[in-house]
Amino acid sequence: MARTAPPRRSRRLRYSKAALLLFGLGLVLGLIVVSAELVGLGWVASALMALGLVAIPLALLADGKRAVRLPRWLGGLRRKSLSRKATAPASRPSPRVRPRPAVRRRR
C-alpha cells in the first residue's frame, strides 16, 4: 500500500482571509443588531466592520509580499551584491612609509 503525504493546509492569502472574516463577522452582527433592534451592540458591529475594511488592504499587501519569493540562486546573488555595496568605497592607498635605515653605533 502506497503511503500518501498528510494533507497540507493552504497558507495562501492567510491574512486576507482573516480580514474578510472579521468584516463578515461585523456584517452579520450588524444584521442581528438591526433585526433584533439591539442598540448597545451597534457600536461593536460598526467597529468590527470598520476594522475589517481597514485590515483588508494591509492584509493584501502582507500576503503579496509572502507570495513573491525569489529563487535561491537569485536570492544569493542579491545578498552578495548588497553586501558589496554596504562596504566603504576604496580610498587612495596611504603612501608607503619607508623603514629607516639601521643606525650604526660607534664603539
C-alpha atoms as a PDB file:
ATOM      1  CA  MET A   1       0.000   0.000   0.000  1.00  0.00           C
ATOM      2  CA  ALA A   2       1.412   3.344  -1.019  1.00  0.00           C
ATOM      3  CA  ARG A   3       1.894   5.959   1.633  1.00  0.00           C
ATOM      4  CA  THR A   4       0.424   9.341   0.980  1.00  0.00           C
ATOM      5  CA  ALA A   5       1.604  12.590   2.450  1.00  0.00           C
ATOM      6  CA  PRO A   6      -0.618  14.187   5.064  1.00  0.00           C
ATOM      7  CA  PRO A   7      -2.782  16.954   3.635  1.00  0.00           C
ATOM      8  CA  ARG A   8      -1.124  20.346   3.867  1.00  0.00           C
ATOM      9  CA  ARG A   9      -3.122  23.312   4.951  1.00  0.00           C
ATOM     10  CA  SER A  10      -3.175  26.045   2.396  1.00  0.00           C
ATOM     11  CA  ARG A  11      -1.484  29.193   3.665  1.00  0.00           C
ATOM     12  CA  ARG A  12      -2.350  31.261   0.645  1.00  0.00           C
ATOM     13  CA  LEU A  13      -3.900  34.634   1.493  1.00  0.00           C
ATOM     14  CA  ARG A  14      -3.857  33.866   5.208  1.00  0.00           C
ATOM     15  CA  TYR A  15      -4.096  37.483   6.348  1.00  0.00           C
ATOM     16  CA  SER A  16      -6.687  38.395   3.724  1.00  0.00           C
ATOM     17  CA  LYS A  17      -8.936  35.567   4.850  1.00  0.00           C
ATOM     18  CA  ALA A  18      -8.701  36.755   8.443  1.00  0.00           C
ATOM     19  CA  ALA A  19      -9.531  40.339   7.467  1.00  0.00           C
ATOM     20  CA  LEU A  20     -12.519  39.233   5.393  1.00  0.00           C
ATOM     21  CA  LEU A  21     -13.764  37.029   8.224  1.00  0.00           C
ATOM     22  CA  LEU A  22     -13.500  39.977  10.607  1.00  0.00           C
ATOM     23  CA  PHE A  23     -15.500  42.167   8.232  1.00  0.00           C
ATOM     24  CA  GLY A  24     -18.066  39.413   7.705  1.00  0.00           C
ATOM     25  CA  LEU A  25     -18.464  38.928  11.448  1.00  0.00           C
ATOM     26  CA  GLY A  26     -19.187  42.637  11.826  1.00  0.00           C
ATOM     27  CA  LEU A  27     -21.652  42.460   8.955  1.00  0.00           C
ATOM     28  CA  VAL A  28     -23.547  39.535  10.475  1.00  0.00           C
ATOM     29  CA  LEU A  29     -23.542  41.178  13.892  1.00  0.00           C
ATOM     30  CA  GLY A  30     -24.856  44.368  12.289  1.00  0.00           C
ATOM     31  CA  LEU A  31     -27.670  42.411  10.645  1.00  0.00           C
ATOM     32  CA  ILE A  32     -28.575  40.882  14.012  1.00  0.00           C
ATOM     33  CA  VAL A  33     -28.490  44.309  15.675  1.00  0.00           C
ATOM     34  CA  VAL A  34     -30.819  45.801  13.061  1.00  0.00           C
ATOM     35  CA  SER A  35     -33.253  42.901  13.006  1.00  0.00           C
ATOM     36  CA  ALA A  36     -33.428  42.499  16.807  1.00  0.00           C
ATOM     37  CA  GLU A  37     -33.206  46.265  17.431  1.00  0.00           C
ATOM     38  CA  LEU A  38     -30.313  45.961  19.886  1.00  0.00           C
ATOM     39  CA  VAL A  39     -28.949  49.436  20.442  1.00  0.00           C
ATOM     40  CA  GLY A  40     -25.900  48.536  22.550  1.00  0.00           C
ATOM     41  CA  LEU A  41     -24.260  46.206  20.035  1.00  0.00           C
ATOM     42  CA  GLY A  42     -24.488  48.658  17.149  1.00  0.00           C
ATOM     43  CA  TRP A  43     -21.140  50.236  18.004  1.00  0.00           C
ATOM     44  CA  VAL A  44     -19.445  46.853  18.274  1.00  0.00           C
ATOM     45  CA  ALA A  45     -20.765  45.761  14.876  1.00  0.00           C
ATOM     46  CA  SER A  46     -19.738  49.064  13.344  1.00  0.00           C
ATOM     47  CA  ALA A  47     -16.250  48.841  14.847  1.00  0.00           C
ATOM     48  CA  LEU A  48     -15.778  45.267  13.571  1.00  0.00           C
ATOM     49  CA  MET A  49     -16.799  46.226  10.045  1.00  0.00           C
ATOM     50  CA  ALA A  50     -14.546  49.296  10.076  1.00  0.00           C
ATOM     51  CA  LEU A  51     -11.612  47.301  11.417  1.00  0.00           C
ATOM     52  CA  GLY A  52     -12.160  44.662   8.747  1.00  0.00           C
ATOM     53  CA  LEU A  53     -12.282  47.286   5.991  1.00  0.00           C
ATOM     54  CA  VAL A  54      -9.042  48.868   7.187  1.00  0.00           C
ATOM     55  CA  ALA A  55      -7.357  45.469   7.544  1.00  0.00           C
ATOM     56  CA  ILE A  56      -8.193  44.209   4.033  1.00  0.00           C
ATOM     57  CA  PRO A  57      -5.692  46.375   2.069  1.00  0.00           C
ATOM     58  CA  LEU A  58      -2.994  45.808   4.692  1.00  0.00           C
ATOM     59  CA  ALA A  59      -3.607  42.064   4.572  1.00  0.00           C
ATOM     60  CA  LEU A  60      -3.409  42.039   0.783  1.00  0.00           C
ATOM     61  CA  LEU A  61      -0.049  43.789   0.940  1.00  0.00           C
ATOM     62  CA  ALA A  62       1.237  41.345   3.557  1.00  0.00           C
ATOM     63  CA  ASP A  63       0.033  38.336   1.562  1.00  0.00           C
ATOM     64  CA  GLY A  64       1.528  39.758  -1.626  1.00  0.00           C
ATOM     65  CA  LYS A  65       4.941  40.069  -0.020  1.00  0.00           C
ATOM     66  CA  ARG A  66       4.726  36.487   1.221  1.00  0.00           C
ATOM     67  CA  ALA A  67       3.674  35.217  -2.208  1.00  0.00           C
ATOM     68  CA  VAL A  68       6.624  36.714  -4.090  1.00  0.00           C
ATOM     69  CA  ARG A  69       9.671  34.676  -3.266  1.00  0.00           C
ATOM     70  CA  LEU A  70      12.933  34.779  -5.125  1.00  0.00           C
ATOM     71  CA  PRO A  71      14.590  31.622  -6.368  1.00  0.00           C
ATOM     72  CA  ARG A  72      17.560  30.540  -4.265  1.00  0.00           C
ATOM     73  CA  TRP A  73      20.133  31.357  -6.887  1.00  0.00           C
ATOM     74  CA  LEU A  74      18.736  34.844  -7.375  1.00  0.00           C
ATOM     75  CA  GLY A  75      18.476  35.443  -3.645  1.00  0.00           C
ATOM     76  CA  GLY A  76      22.124  34.509  -3.194  1.00  0.00           C
ATOM     77  CA  LEU A  77      23.203  36.913  -5.905  1.00  0.00           C
ATOM     78  CA  ARG A  78      21.164  39.670  -4.385  1.00  0.00           C
ATOM     79  CA  ARG A  79      22.677  39.189  -0.935  1.00  0.00           C
ATOM     80  CA  LYS A  80      26.183  39.277  -2.327  1.00  0.00           C
ATOM     81  CA  SER A  81      25.585  42.463  -4.271  1.00  0.00           C
ATOM     82  CA  LEU A  82      24.048  44.141  -1.220  1.00  0.00           C
ATOM     83  CA  SER A  83      26.984  43.189   0.970  1.00  0.00           C
ATOM     84  CA  ARG A  84      29.402  44.604  -1.586  1.00  0.00           C
ATOM     85  CA  LYS A  85      27.534  47.885  -1.677  1.00  0.00           C
ATOM     86  CA  ALA A  86      27.499  48.098   2.095  1.00  0.00           C
ATOM     87  CA  THR A  87      31.278  48.224   2.373  1.00  0.00           C
ATOM     88  CA  ALA A  88      33.008  51.562   2.227  1.00  0.00           C
ATOM     89  CA  PRO A  89      34.421  52.573  -1.147  1.00  0.00           C
ATOM     90  CA  ALA A  90      38.120  52.005  -1.537  1.00  0.00           C
ATOM     91  CA  SER A  91      40.052  55.180  -0.851  1.00  0.00           C
ATOM     92  CA  ARG A  92      43.501  56.067  -2.033  1.00  0.00           C
ATOM     93  CA  PRO A  93      46.145  53.859  -0.556  1.00  0.00           C
ATOM     94  CA  SER A  94      48.201  55.611   2.053  1.00  0.00           C
ATOM     95  CA  PRO A  95      51.755  56.470   0.977  1.00  0.00           C
ATOM     96  CA  ARG A  96      54.232  53.826   1.948  1.00  0.00           C
ATOM     97  CA  VAL A  97      56.433  54.683   4.807  1.00  0.00           C
ATOM     98  CA  ARG A  98      59.949  53.548   4.185  1.00  0.00           C
ATOM     99  CA  PRO A  99      61.675  51.913   7.094  1.00  0.00           C
ATOM    100  CA  ARG A 100      64.545  53.915   8.474  1.00  0.00           C
ATOM    101  CA  PRO A 101      67.955  52.565   7.766  1.00  0.00           C
ATOM    102  CA  ALA A 102      69.597  50.951  10.737  1.00  0.00           C
ATOM    103  CA  VAL A 103      71.800  53.366  12.582  1.00  0.00           C
ATOM    104  CA  ARG A 104      75.300  52.100  13.206  1.00  0.00           C
ATOM    105  CA  ARG A 105      76.597  52.741  16.656  1.00  0.00           C
ATOM    106  CA  ARG A 106      80.194  53.533  17.224  1.00  0.00           C
ATOM    107  CA  ARG A 107      82.092  51.518  19.775  1.00  0.00           C
END
